[in-house]
């Protein structure tokens, strides 16, 4: 079993060689894909963690003058983020209305909330069209994972399972939603699916 980035198509395999950083190499996959697209834009992370024990997936983007929007519902973690990233706009619990402040076509958006990721994904994609999108999915290696492509009932999202895992939609269900909004999946890691908007997919093929 392999935790890191696995490309969906041979033409995206070059991104597997770029992987590195938190969590299973996704940081550098996103950053490398963004460099290939060669366009600027806002960077958004929903479920941003604390920047220390739970690092930002978009941390590499913070060094290059991008507008960074961070959403974190835990108040202590939000304080830590403000201290570490003073130029970022740090908000509490995600609310779709707050996307009014964000570029309609942000460079990258990461969704990682350990539960209702699918629901937030719908909200984000109804309001914006990120060039790159990463959405957390249910751990591929968990014994409860299955091959269904239909979303789970809403009431099950975030239910705590053994060993601290929380129930989420799997990568197949997340991919099905992404396709509805004109996204192509670049690949997956153990817990994340990474997509590019179809407008930019040719820029990432090698």
N, C-alpha and C. Protein backbone atom coordinates (compact mmCIF):
# COMPACT_ATOMS: atom_id res chain seq x y z
N UNK A 1 0.85 -1.20 0.00
CA UNK A 1 0.00 0.00 0.00
C UNK A 1 0.88 1.24 0.00
N UNK A 2 0.45 2.26 -0.75
CA UNK A 2 1.26 3.46 -0.94
C UNK A 2 0.45 4.68 -0.55
N UNK A 3 1.02 5.53 0.34
CA UNK A 3 0.31 6.70 0.84
C UNK A 3 0.33 7.88 -0.13
N UNK A 4 1.40 7.98 -0.93
CA UNK A 4 1.66 9.20 -1.68
C UNK A 4 0.80 9.37 -2.93
N UNK A 5 1.16 10.37 -3.73
CA UNK A 5 0.38 10.75 -4.90
C UNK A 5 0.48 9.70 -6.00
N UNK A 6 -0.68 9.29 -6.49
CA UNK A 6 -0.78 8.36 -7.62
C UNK A 6 -1.57 9.06 -8.72
N UNK A 7 -0.94 9.27 -9.87
CA UNK A 7 -1.58 9.98 -10.97
C UNK A 7 -2.69 9.15 -11.60
N UNK A 8 -3.74 9.82 -12.04
CA UNK A 8 -4.84 9.14 -12.72
C UNK A 8 -4.48 8.75 -14.15
N UNK A 9 -3.61 9.56 -14.78
CA UNK A 9 -3.23 9.32 -16.18
C UNK A 9 -1.71 9.45 -16.30
N UNK A 10 -1.17 8.78 -17.31
CA UNK A 10 0.28 8.84 -17.52
C UNK A 10 0.77 10.27 -17.73
N UNK A 11 -0.06 11.11 -18.35
CA UNK A 11 0.36 12.48 -18.65
C UNK A 11 0.49 13.34 -17.40
N UNK A 12 -0.01 12.85 -16.27
CA UNK A 12 0.14 13.58 -15.00
C UNK A 12 1.16 12.92 -14.07
N UNK A 13 1.82 11.89 -14.58
CA UNK A 13 2.75 11.15 -13.74
C UNK A 13 3.92 12.01 -13.27
N UNK A 14 4.28 13.05 -14.03
CA UNK A 14 5.39 13.92 -13.63
C UNK A 14 5.14 14.57 -12.28
N UNK A 15 3.87 14.75 -11.90
CA UNK A 15 3.55 15.35 -10.61
C UNK A 15 3.93 14.43 -9.45
N UNK A 16 3.90 13.12 -9.68
CA UNK A 16 4.30 12.18 -8.63
C UNK A 16 5.76 12.38 -8.26
N UNK A 17 6.57 12.81 -9.22
CA UNK A 17 8.00 13.03 -8.95
C UNK A 17 8.24 14.34 -8.20
N UNK A 18 7.24 15.19 -8.14
CA UNK A 18 7.36 16.48 -7.47
C UNK A 18 6.86 16.43 -6.02
N UNK A 19 6.18 15.36 -5.64
CA UNK A 19 5.51 15.34 -4.35
C UNK A 19 6.49 15.52 -3.19
N UNK A 20 5.98 16.14 -2.14
CA UNK A 20 6.79 16.36 -0.95
C UNK A 20 6.03 17.24 0.02
N UNK A 21 6.43 17.24 1.28
CA UNK A 21 5.76 18.07 2.28
C UNK A 21 4.49 17.43 2.78
N UNK A 22 3.78 18.17 3.60
CA UNK A 22 2.55 17.74 4.23
C UNK A 22 1.50 17.45 3.18
N UNK A 23 0.66 16.52 3.34
CA UNK A 23 0.52 15.49 4.34
C UNK A 23 1.13 14.21 3.82
N UNK A 24 0.75 13.85 2.61
CA UNK A 24 1.36 12.73 1.90
C UNK A 24 1.95 13.23 0.59
N UNK A 25 2.64 14.37 0.68
CA UNK A 25 3.28 14.93 -0.50
C UNK A 25 2.44 15.91 -1.28
N UNK A 26 1.22 16.19 -0.81
CA UNK A 26 0.30 17.04 -1.57
C UNK A 26 0.78 18.48 -1.72
N UNK A 27 1.50 19.01 -0.71
CA UNK A 27 1.96 20.40 -0.78
C UNK A 27 2.68 20.68 -2.09
N UNK A 28 3.68 19.87 -2.39
CA UNK A 28 4.49 20.15 -3.57
C UNK A 28 3.81 19.74 -4.87
N UNK A 29 2.87 18.80 -4.82
CA UNK A 29 2.08 18.50 -6.01
C UNK A 29 1.26 19.73 -6.40
N UNK A 30 0.59 20.32 -5.43
CA UNK A 30 -0.20 21.52 -5.71
C UNK A 30 0.67 22.67 -6.21
N UNK A 31 1.80 22.87 -5.53
CA UNK A 31 2.68 23.99 -5.89
C UNK A 31 3.27 23.80 -7.28
N UNK A 32 3.66 22.59 -7.60
CA UNK A 32 4.23 22.31 -8.93
C UNK A 32 3.18 22.47 -10.02
N UNK A 33 1.96 22.02 -9.75
CA UNK A 33 0.88 22.19 -10.73
C UNK A 33 0.58 23.66 -10.95
N UNK A 34 0.57 24.44 -9.87
CA UNK A 34 0.30 25.89 -9.99
C UNK A 34 1.39 26.57 -10.80
N UNK A 35 2.64 26.19 -10.59
CA UNK A 35 3.74 26.77 -11.37
C UNK A 35 3.60 26.46 -12.85
N UNK A 36 3.08 25.30 -13.16
CA UNK A 36 2.89 24.92 -14.55
C UNK A 36 1.75 25.70 -15.19
N UNK A 37 0.71 25.97 -14.42
CA UNK A 37 -0.41 26.77 -14.92
C UNK A 37 0.03 28.21 -15.18
N UNK A 38 0.95 28.70 -14.34
CA UNK A 38 1.55 30.03 -14.53
C UNK A 38 0.54 31.17 -14.47
N UNK A 39 -0.42 31.07 -13.61
CA UNK A 39 -1.36 32.16 -13.39
C UNK A 39 -1.49 32.38 -11.88
N UNK A 40 -1.69 33.64 -11.50
CA UNK A 40 -1.82 33.97 -10.09
C UNK A 40 -3.27 33.83 -9.66
N UNK A 41 -3.51 34.08 -8.39
CA UNK A 41 -4.86 34.02 -7.87
C UNK A 41 -4.86 33.81 -6.38
N UNK A 42 -6.02 33.97 -5.77
CA UNK A 42 -6.15 33.76 -4.33
C UNK A 42 -5.95 32.29 -3.99
N UNK A 43 -5.52 32.06 -2.75
CA UNK A 43 -5.32 30.70 -2.25
C UNK A 43 -6.19 30.52 -1.01
N UNK A 44 -6.95 29.44 -0.97
CA UNK A 44 -7.94 29.21 0.08
C UNK A 44 -7.72 27.84 0.70
N UNK A 45 -7.77 27.79 2.04
CA UNK A 45 -7.75 26.50 2.71
C UNK A 45 -8.84 26.48 3.77
N UNK A 46 -9.72 25.50 3.68
CA UNK A 46 -10.86 25.36 4.59
C UNK A 46 -10.61 24.14 5.46
N UNK A 47 -10.48 24.39 6.75
CA UNK A 47 -10.00 23.36 7.67
C UNK A 47 -8.49 23.45 7.72
N UNK A 48 -8.01 24.66 8.05
CA UNK A 48 -6.59 25.00 7.86
C UNK A 48 -5.67 24.43 8.94
N UNK A 49 -6.21 23.93 10.04
CA UNK A 49 -5.34 23.42 11.09
C UNK A 49 -4.75 24.54 11.93
N UNK A 50 -3.54 24.32 12.43
CA UNK A 50 -2.92 25.34 13.29
C UNK A 50 -1.59 25.84 12.75
N UNK A 51 -1.16 25.31 11.61
CA UNK A 51 0.09 25.76 11.02
C UNK A 51 1.32 25.15 11.65
N UNK A 52 1.15 24.34 12.69
CA UNK A 52 2.29 23.74 13.38
C UNK A 52 2.16 22.22 13.35
N UNK A 53 1.41 21.66 14.29
CA UNK A 53 1.21 20.20 14.27
C UNK A 53 0.30 19.78 13.12
N UNK A 54 -0.52 20.71 12.65
CA UNK A 54 -1.36 20.48 11.46
C UNK A 54 -1.01 21.56 10.45
N UNK A 55 0.04 21.36 9.66
CA UNK A 55 0.51 22.39 8.73
C UNK A 55 -0.50 22.71 7.63
N UNK A 56 -0.29 23.86 7.01
CA UNK A 56 -1.12 24.25 5.87
C UNK A 56 -0.70 23.47 4.63
N UNK A 57 -1.68 22.98 3.89
CA UNK A 57 -1.38 22.38 2.60
C UNK A 57 -0.89 23.45 1.62
N UNK A 58 -1.38 24.69 1.78
CA UNK A 58 -1.00 25.77 0.87
C UNK A 58 0.14 26.62 1.41
N UNK A 59 0.87 26.12 2.39
CA UNK A 59 1.97 26.88 2.98
C UNK A 59 2.97 27.40 1.95
N UNK A 60 3.35 26.63 0.92
CA UNK A 60 4.31 27.16 -0.05
C UNK A 60 3.83 28.41 -0.78
N UNK A 61 2.52 28.57 -0.88
CA UNK A 61 1.98 29.72 -1.60
C UNK A 61 2.06 31.00 -0.77
N UNK A 62 2.18 30.86 0.53
CA UNK A 62 2.18 32.04 1.41
C UNK A 62 3.43 32.89 1.24
N UNK A 63 4.46 32.33 0.64
CA UNK A 63 5.73 33.05 0.50
C UNK A 63 5.81 33.92 -0.74
N UNK A 64 4.81 33.84 -1.60
CA UNK A 64 4.95 34.46 -2.92
C UNK A 64 3.92 35.55 -3.20
N UNK A 65 3.40 36.15 -2.15
CA UNK A 65 2.54 37.31 -2.33
C UNK A 65 1.11 37.01 -2.72
N UNK A 66 0.71 35.75 -2.69
CA UNK A 66 -0.68 35.43 -3.00
C UNK A 66 -1.58 35.89 -1.85
N UNK A 67 -2.80 36.29 -2.18
CA UNK A 67 -3.80 36.52 -1.14
C UNK A 67 -4.22 35.17 -0.57
N UNK A 68 -4.08 35.01 0.74
CA UNK A 68 -4.33 33.73 1.38
C UNK A 68 -5.51 33.86 2.34
N UNK A 69 -6.50 32.98 2.16
CA UNK A 69 -7.70 32.96 3.01
C UNK A 69 -7.72 31.61 3.73
N UNK A 70 -7.76 31.67 5.06
CA UNK A 70 -7.74 30.47 5.87
C UNK A 70 -8.99 30.40 6.74
N UNK A 71 -9.64 29.25 6.73
CA UNK A 71 -10.84 29.02 7.55
C UNK A 71 -10.52 27.92 8.55
N UNK A 72 -10.70 28.22 9.83
CA UNK A 72 -10.42 27.24 10.87
C UNK A 72 -11.38 27.48 12.03
N UNK A 73 -12.20 26.46 12.33
CA UNK A 73 -13.25 26.62 13.34
C UNK A 73 -12.73 26.58 14.76
N UNK A 74 -11.59 25.94 15.00
CA UNK A 74 -11.02 25.89 16.35
C UNK A 74 -10.33 27.22 16.66
N UNK A 75 -10.80 27.91 17.69
CA UNK A 75 -10.33 29.27 17.96
C UNK A 75 -8.85 29.33 18.31
N UNK A 76 -8.35 28.35 19.08
CA UNK A 76 -6.93 28.35 19.43
C UNK A 76 -6.05 28.13 18.19
N UNK A 77 -6.50 27.24 17.33
CA UNK A 77 -5.76 27.00 16.09
C UNK A 77 -5.77 28.25 15.20
N UNK A 78 -6.90 28.96 15.17
CA UNK A 78 -6.99 30.19 14.37
C UNK A 78 -6.01 31.24 14.87
N UNK A 79 -5.84 31.34 16.19
CA UNK A 79 -4.88 32.29 16.75
C UNK A 79 -3.46 31.92 16.32
N UNK A 80 -3.14 30.63 16.36
CA UNK A 80 -1.82 30.19 15.93
C UNK A 80 -1.58 30.51 14.46
N UNK A 81 -2.60 30.37 13.65
CA UNK A 81 -2.47 30.70 12.23
C UNK A 81 -2.21 32.19 12.03
N UNK A 82 -2.92 33.02 12.77
CA UNK A 82 -2.72 34.48 12.64
C UNK A 82 -1.30 34.87 13.04
N UNK A 83 -0.78 34.20 14.05
CA UNK A 83 0.57 34.52 14.50
C UNK A 83 1.62 34.07 13.48
N UNK A 84 1.40 32.93 12.88
CA UNK A 84 2.38 32.39 11.93
C UNK A 84 2.26 33.02 10.55
N UNK A 85 1.03 33.37 10.16
CA UNK A 85 0.79 33.93 8.82
C UNK A 85 0.07 35.28 8.96
N UNK A 86 0.79 36.30 9.40
CA UNK A 86 0.15 37.60 9.69
C UNK A 86 -0.47 38.26 8.46
N UNK A 87 -0.04 37.90 7.28
CA UNK A 87 -0.59 38.51 6.06
C UNK A 87 -1.82 37.76 5.53
N UNK A 88 -2.12 36.62 6.13
CA UNK A 88 -3.29 35.85 5.69
C UNK A 88 -4.56 36.39 6.34
N UNK A 89 -5.67 36.19 5.67
CA UNK A 89 -6.99 36.52 6.22
C UNK A 89 -7.52 35.25 6.87
N UNK A 90 -7.58 35.24 8.19
CA UNK A 90 -7.98 34.04 8.93
C UNK A 90 -9.40 34.22 9.45
N UNK A 91 -10.28 33.32 9.06
CA UNK A 91 -11.68 33.34 9.49
C UNK A 91 -11.94 32.12 10.36
N UNK A 92 -13.08 32.11 11.03
CA UNK A 92 -13.47 30.96 11.84
C UNK A 92 -14.14 29.91 10.97
N UNK A 93 -15.28 29.40 11.42
CA UNK A 93 -16.01 28.37 10.68
C UNK A 93 -16.36 28.85 9.28
N UNK A 94 -16.18 27.99 8.30
CA UNK A 94 -16.45 28.36 6.91
C UNK A 94 -17.92 28.70 6.71
N UNK A 95 -18.13 29.78 5.99
CA UNK A 95 -19.48 30.20 5.57
C UNK A 95 -19.37 30.61 4.11
N UNK A 96 -20.27 30.10 3.29
CA UNK A 96 -20.17 30.36 1.86
C UNK A 96 -20.25 31.85 1.54
N UNK A 97 -20.91 32.64 2.39
CA UNK A 97 -21.02 34.08 2.16
C UNK A 97 -19.65 34.75 2.19
N UNK A 98 -18.71 34.18 2.94
CA UNK A 98 -17.38 34.77 3.04
C UNK A 98 -16.59 34.61 1.75
N UNK A 99 -17.05 33.76 0.85
CA UNK A 99 -16.36 33.62 -0.43
C UNK A 99 -16.52 34.85 -1.31
N UNK A 100 -17.41 35.76 -0.91
CA UNK A 100 -17.56 37.01 -1.66
C UNK A 100 -16.26 37.80 -1.68
N UNK A 101 -15.40 37.58 -0.67
CA UNK A 101 -14.12 38.28 -0.60
C UNK A 101 -13.06 37.63 -1.49
N UNK A 102 -13.33 36.43 -1.97
CA UNK A 102 -12.34 35.65 -2.70
C UNK A 102 -12.52 35.84 -4.20
N UNK A 103 -11.43 35.83 -4.93
CA UNK A 103 -11.42 35.85 -6.38
C UNK A 103 -12.36 34.76 -6.92
N UNK A 104 -13.21 35.07 -7.91
CA UNK A 104 -14.11 34.05 -8.46
C UNK A 104 -13.37 32.85 -9.07
N UNK A 105 -12.10 33.05 -9.41
CA UNK A 105 -11.30 31.95 -9.95
C UNK A 105 -9.99 31.86 -9.18
N UNK A 106 -10.06 31.41 -7.92
CA UNK A 106 -8.83 31.33 -7.12
C UNK A 106 -7.83 30.35 -7.73
N UNK A 107 -6.57 30.56 -7.40
CA UNK A 107 -5.53 29.66 -7.91
C UNK A 107 -5.69 28.26 -7.34
N UNK A 108 -5.93 28.17 -6.04
CA UNK A 108 -6.03 26.87 -5.40
C UNK A 108 -7.01 26.94 -4.24
N UNK A 109 -7.76 25.87 -4.03
CA UNK A 109 -8.65 25.75 -2.89
C UNK A 109 -8.48 24.35 -2.31
N UNK A 110 -8.26 24.29 -1.00
CA UNK A 110 -8.11 23.03 -0.28
C UNK A 110 -9.25 22.90 0.71
N UNK A 111 -9.90 21.75 0.74
CA UNK A 111 -11.00 21.46 1.66
C UNK A 111 -10.62 20.24 2.49
N UNK A 112 -10.52 20.45 3.81
CA UNK A 112 -10.05 19.38 4.69
C UNK A 112 -10.69 19.57 6.07
N UNK A 113 -11.92 19.08 6.23
CA UNK A 113 -12.64 19.31 7.49
C UNK A 113 -13.04 18.01 8.20
N UNK A 114 -12.60 16.87 7.68
CA UNK A 114 -12.85 15.59 8.35
C UNK A 114 -14.32 15.28 8.54
N UNK A 115 -15.10 15.47 7.50
CA UNK A 115 -16.52 15.14 7.62
C UNK A 115 -17.34 15.63 6.44
N UNK A 116 -17.77 16.89 6.51
CA UNK A 116 -18.69 17.40 5.50
C UNK A 116 -17.94 18.04 4.32
N UNK A 117 -16.80 17.49 3.99
CA UNK A 117 -16.00 18.02 2.88
C UNK A 117 -16.81 18.12 1.60
N UNK A 118 -17.62 17.10 1.34
CA UNK A 118 -18.45 17.09 0.14
C UNK A 118 -19.40 18.29 0.10
N UNK A 119 -20.04 18.58 1.21
CA UNK A 119 -21.00 19.68 1.26
C UNK A 119 -20.30 21.02 1.03
N UNK A 120 -19.13 21.19 1.63
CA UNK A 120 -18.37 22.42 1.42
C UNK A 120 -17.89 22.50 -0.03
N UNK A 121 -17.52 21.37 -0.59
CA UNK A 121 -17.12 21.32 -2.00
C UNK A 121 -18.23 21.85 -2.90
N UNK A 122 -19.46 21.42 -2.66
CA UNK A 122 -20.60 21.93 -3.42
C UNK A 122 -20.71 23.45 -3.27
N UNK A 123 -20.63 23.95 -2.04
CA UNK A 123 -20.75 25.38 -1.79
C UNK A 123 -19.67 26.16 -2.53
N UNK A 124 -18.44 25.68 -2.45
CA UNK A 124 -17.32 26.36 -3.09
C UNK A 124 -17.50 26.39 -4.60
N UNK A 125 -17.86 25.26 -5.19
CA UNK A 125 -17.92 25.18 -6.65
C UNK A 125 -19.16 25.84 -7.24
N UNK A 126 -20.15 26.09 -6.41
CA UNK A 126 -21.29 26.87 -6.90
C UNK A 126 -20.96 28.36 -6.97
N UNK A 127 -19.94 28.78 -6.23
CA UNK A 127 -19.62 30.21 -6.14
C UNK A 127 -18.31 30.58 -6.82
N UNK A 128 -17.39 29.64 -6.91
CA UNK A 128 -16.08 29.92 -7.48
C UNK A 128 -15.65 28.77 -8.37
N UNK A 129 -14.58 29.00 -9.14
CA UNK A 129 -14.01 27.96 -9.99
C UNK A 129 -12.50 27.93 -9.79
N UNK A 130 -12.06 27.30 -8.70
CA UNK A 130 -10.61 27.24 -8.47
C UNK A 130 -9.89 26.55 -9.63
N UNK A 131 -8.71 27.06 -9.95
CA UNK A 131 -7.92 26.40 -10.99
C UNK A 131 -7.48 25.02 -10.51
N UNK A 132 -7.05 24.95 -9.25
CA UNK A 132 -6.67 23.68 -8.63
C UNK A 132 -7.52 23.47 -7.40
N UNK A 133 -7.93 22.25 -7.18
CA UNK A 133 -8.82 21.92 -6.07
C UNK A 133 -8.33 20.63 -5.41
N UNK A 134 -8.24 20.67 -4.09
CA UNK A 134 -7.93 19.44 -3.35
C UNK A 134 -8.99 19.23 -2.29
N UNK A 135 -9.57 18.03 -2.27
CA UNK A 135 -10.64 17.70 -1.33
C UNK A 135 -10.27 16.43 -0.59
N UNK A 136 -10.39 16.46 0.73
CA UNK A 136 -10.12 15.27 1.51
C UNK A 136 -11.21 14.22 1.27
N UNK A 137 -10.79 12.97 1.18
CA UNK A 137 -11.74 11.87 1.05
C UNK A 137 -11.46 10.85 2.16
N UNK A 138 -12.32 9.88 2.28
CA UNK A 138 -12.16 8.84 3.30
C UNK A 138 -10.88 8.05 3.03
N UNK A 139 -10.17 7.73 4.09
CA UNK A 139 -8.91 7.02 4.00
C UNK A 139 -9.06 5.75 3.14
N UNK A 140 -8.27 5.69 2.08
CA UNK A 140 -8.35 4.53 1.17
C UNK A 140 -8.08 3.20 1.88
N UNK A 141 -7.27 3.27 2.95
CA UNK A 141 -6.82 2.03 3.58
C UNK A 141 -7.68 1.62 4.77
N UNK A 142 -8.70 2.41 5.08
CA UNK A 142 -9.56 2.06 6.22
C UNK A 142 -10.43 0.87 5.84
N UNK A 143 -10.63 -0.03 6.80
CA UNK A 143 -11.40 -1.25 6.50
C UNK A 143 -12.84 -0.96 6.10
N UNK A 144 -13.37 0.22 6.50
CA UNK A 144 -14.75 0.56 6.18
C UNK A 144 -14.91 1.20 4.81
N UNK A 145 -13.79 1.45 4.12
CA UNK A 145 -13.87 2.06 2.80
C UNK A 145 -14.55 1.09 1.83
N UNK A 146 -15.27 1.64 0.86
CA UNK A 146 -15.97 0.79 -0.11
C UNK A 146 -15.88 1.44 -1.48
N UNK A 147 -16.40 0.77 -2.48
CA UNK A 147 -16.25 1.22 -3.87
C UNK A 147 -17.45 2.01 -4.38
N UNK A 148 -18.40 2.34 -3.52
CA UNK A 148 -19.60 3.02 -4.01
C UNK A 148 -19.25 4.42 -4.51
N UNK A 149 -19.97 4.88 -5.53
CA UNK A 149 -19.71 6.20 -6.10
C UNK A 149 -20.79 7.21 -5.71
N UNK A 150 -21.82 6.77 -5.03
CA UNK A 150 -22.86 7.69 -4.58
C UNK A 150 -22.47 8.30 -3.23
N UNK A 151 -22.79 9.58 -3.01
CA UNK A 151 -22.45 10.21 -1.74
C UNK A 151 -23.13 9.52 -0.56
N UNK A 152 -22.49 9.59 0.59
CA UNK A 152 -23.06 9.03 1.81
C UNK A 152 -24.23 9.89 2.28
N UNK A 153 -25.17 9.33 3.05
CA UNK A 153 -26.21 10.16 3.66
C UNK A 153 -25.57 11.26 4.51
N UNK A 154 -26.17 12.43 4.47
CA UNK A 154 -25.57 13.58 5.16
C UNK A 154 -25.33 13.30 6.64
N UNK A 155 -26.27 12.60 7.29
CA UNK A 155 -26.18 12.40 8.73
C UNK A 155 -24.99 11.53 9.13
N UNK A 156 -24.42 10.79 8.17
CA UNK A 156 -23.27 9.93 8.50
C UNK A 156 -21.93 10.66 8.42
N UNK A 157 -21.91 11.81 7.76
CA UNK A 157 -20.65 12.51 7.54
C UNK A 157 -20.06 13.00 8.86
N UNK A 158 -18.82 12.62 9.11
CA UNK A 158 -18.15 13.03 10.34
C UNK A 158 -18.35 12.09 11.51
N UNK A 159 -19.12 11.02 11.33
CA UNK A 159 -19.29 10.07 12.42
C UNK A 159 -17.93 9.48 12.81
N UNK A 160 -17.67 9.43 14.11
CA UNK A 160 -16.38 8.94 14.57
C UNK A 160 -16.35 7.42 14.54
N UNK A 161 -15.28 6.90 13.95
CA UNK A 161 -15.07 5.46 13.85
C UNK A 161 -13.92 5.06 14.77
N UNK A 162 -13.50 3.83 14.68
CA UNK A 162 -12.39 3.35 15.51
C UNK A 162 -11.11 4.12 15.21
N UNK A 163 -10.28 4.29 16.23
CA UNK A 163 -8.96 4.91 16.10
C UNK A 163 -9.00 6.36 15.64
N UNK A 164 -10.10 7.05 15.94
CA UNK A 164 -10.18 8.48 15.65
C UNK A 164 -10.54 8.84 14.23
N UNK A 165 -10.77 7.88 13.35
CA UNK A 165 -11.18 8.17 11.98
C UNK A 165 -12.61 8.71 11.98
N UNK A 166 -12.90 9.54 10.99
CA UNK A 166 -14.26 10.06 10.81
C UNK A 166 -14.75 9.69 9.42
N UNK A 167 -16.04 9.37 9.34
CA UNK A 167 -16.61 8.90 8.08
C UNK A 167 -16.74 10.05 7.09
N UNK A 168 -16.31 9.80 5.88
CA UNK A 168 -16.38 10.78 4.79
C UNK A 168 -16.71 10.06 3.49
N UNK A 169 -17.04 10.83 2.46
CA UNK A 169 -17.22 10.25 1.13
C UNK A 169 -15.87 9.76 0.61
N UNK A 170 -15.89 8.67 -0.15
CA UNK A 170 -14.64 8.14 -0.69
C UNK A 170 -14.22 8.90 -1.94
N UNK A 171 -13.05 8.54 -2.47
CA UNK A 171 -12.49 9.28 -3.61
C UNK A 171 -13.35 9.15 -4.86
N UNK A 172 -14.08 8.05 -5.01
CA UNK A 172 -14.93 7.87 -6.19
C UNK A 172 -16.12 8.82 -6.15
N UNK A 173 -16.72 8.97 -4.98
CA UNK A 173 -17.86 9.90 -4.85
C UNK A 173 -17.42 11.34 -5.05
N UNK A 174 -16.25 11.69 -4.50
CA UNK A 174 -15.73 13.05 -4.66
C UNK A 174 -15.41 13.33 -6.13
N UNK A 175 -14.85 12.36 -6.81
CA UNK A 175 -14.52 12.53 -8.23
C UNK A 175 -15.78 12.71 -9.07
N UNK A 176 -16.81 12.01 -8.72
CA UNK A 176 -18.08 12.13 -9.46
C UNK A 176 -18.63 13.55 -9.36
N UNK A 177 -18.53 14.13 -8.17
CA UNK A 177 -18.99 15.51 -7.98
C UNK A 177 -18.12 16.47 -8.79
N UNK A 178 -16.82 16.28 -8.73
CA UNK A 178 -15.90 17.18 -9.43
C UNK A 178 -16.18 17.20 -10.93
N UNK A 179 -16.47 16.05 -11.51
CA UNK A 179 -16.76 15.99 -12.94
C UNK A 179 -17.97 16.83 -13.30
N UNK A 180 -18.95 16.89 -12.41
CA UNK A 180 -20.15 17.69 -12.67
C UNK A 180 -19.83 19.17 -12.80
N UNK A 181 -18.73 19.58 -12.17
CA UNK A 181 -18.33 20.99 -12.20
C UNK A 181 -17.14 21.23 -13.14
N UNK A 182 -16.92 20.32 -14.07
CA UNK A 182 -15.89 20.47 -15.10
C UNK A 182 -14.47 20.41 -14.55
N UNK A 183 -14.22 19.43 -13.70
CA UNK A 183 -12.87 19.20 -13.19
C UNK A 183 -12.37 17.82 -13.61
N UNK A 184 -11.07 17.76 -13.84
CA UNK A 184 -10.38 16.51 -14.13
C UNK A 184 -9.50 16.15 -12.94
N UNK A 185 -9.57 14.92 -12.50
CA UNK A 185 -8.73 14.51 -11.38
C UNK A 185 -7.31 14.23 -11.86
N UNK A 186 -6.36 14.88 -11.21
CA UNK A 186 -4.95 14.65 -11.51
C UNK A 186 -4.48 13.35 -10.86
N UNK A 187 -4.98 13.09 -9.66
CA UNK A 187 -4.61 11.88 -8.95
C UNK A 187 -5.06 11.95 -7.51
N UNK A 188 -4.66 10.95 -6.76
CA UNK A 188 -5.07 10.86 -5.35
C UNK A 188 -3.89 10.48 -4.48
N UNK A 189 -3.99 10.82 -3.20
CA UNK A 189 -3.12 10.24 -2.18
C UNK A 189 -4.02 9.39 -1.28
N UNK A 190 -3.47 8.97 -0.21
CA UNK A 190 -4.24 8.13 0.71
C UNK A 190 -5.53 8.82 1.16
N UNK A 191 -5.48 10.14 1.36
CA UNK A 191 -6.64 10.83 1.94
C UNK A 191 -7.09 12.06 1.17
N UNK A 192 -6.49 12.35 0.03
CA UNK A 192 -6.87 13.55 -0.71
C UNK A 192 -6.99 13.28 -2.21
N UNK A 193 -7.93 13.99 -2.83
CA UNK A 193 -8.09 13.98 -4.29
C UNK A 193 -7.72 15.35 -4.81
N UNK A 194 -6.91 15.40 -5.87
CA UNK A 194 -6.44 16.66 -6.43
C UNK A 194 -6.96 16.80 -7.85
N UNK A 195 -7.55 17.96 -8.15
CA UNK A 195 -8.21 18.22 -9.42
C UNK A 195 -7.69 19.49 -10.07
N UNK A 196 -7.87 19.58 -11.38
CA UNK A 196 -7.62 20.81 -12.13
C UNK A 196 -8.88 21.12 -12.93
N UNK A 197 -9.22 22.41 -13.02
CA UNK A 197 -10.36 22.78 -13.86
C UNK A 197 -10.03 22.46 -15.30
N UNK A 198 -11.03 22.00 -16.05
CA UNK A 198 -10.81 21.57 -17.42
C UNK A 198 -10.22 22.66 -18.31
N UNK A 199 -10.42 23.91 -17.93
CA UNK A 199 -9.86 25.02 -18.69
C UNK A 199 -8.32 24.98 -18.70
N UNK A 200 -7.74 24.36 -17.67
CA UNK A 200 -6.27 24.37 -17.52
C UNK A 200 -5.64 22.99 -17.66
N UNK A 201 -6.42 21.99 -17.96
CA UNK A 201 -5.90 20.62 -17.93
C UNK A 201 -4.79 20.40 -18.96
N UNK A 202 -4.87 21.03 -20.11
CA UNK A 202 -3.85 20.82 -21.13
C UNK A 202 -2.49 21.35 -20.68
N UNK A 203 -2.48 22.35 -19.82
CA UNK A 203 -1.21 22.90 -19.33
C UNK A 203 -0.47 21.93 -18.44
N UNK A 204 -1.18 20.95 -17.90
CA UNK A 204 -0.57 20.01 -16.96
C UNK A 204 -0.23 18.66 -17.58
N UNK A 205 -0.54 18.49 -18.84
CA UNK A 205 -0.22 17.23 -19.50
C UNK A 205 1.22 17.22 -20.00
N UNK A 206 1.91 16.10 -19.73
CA UNK A 206 3.27 15.92 -20.24
C UNK A 206 3.41 14.52 -20.83
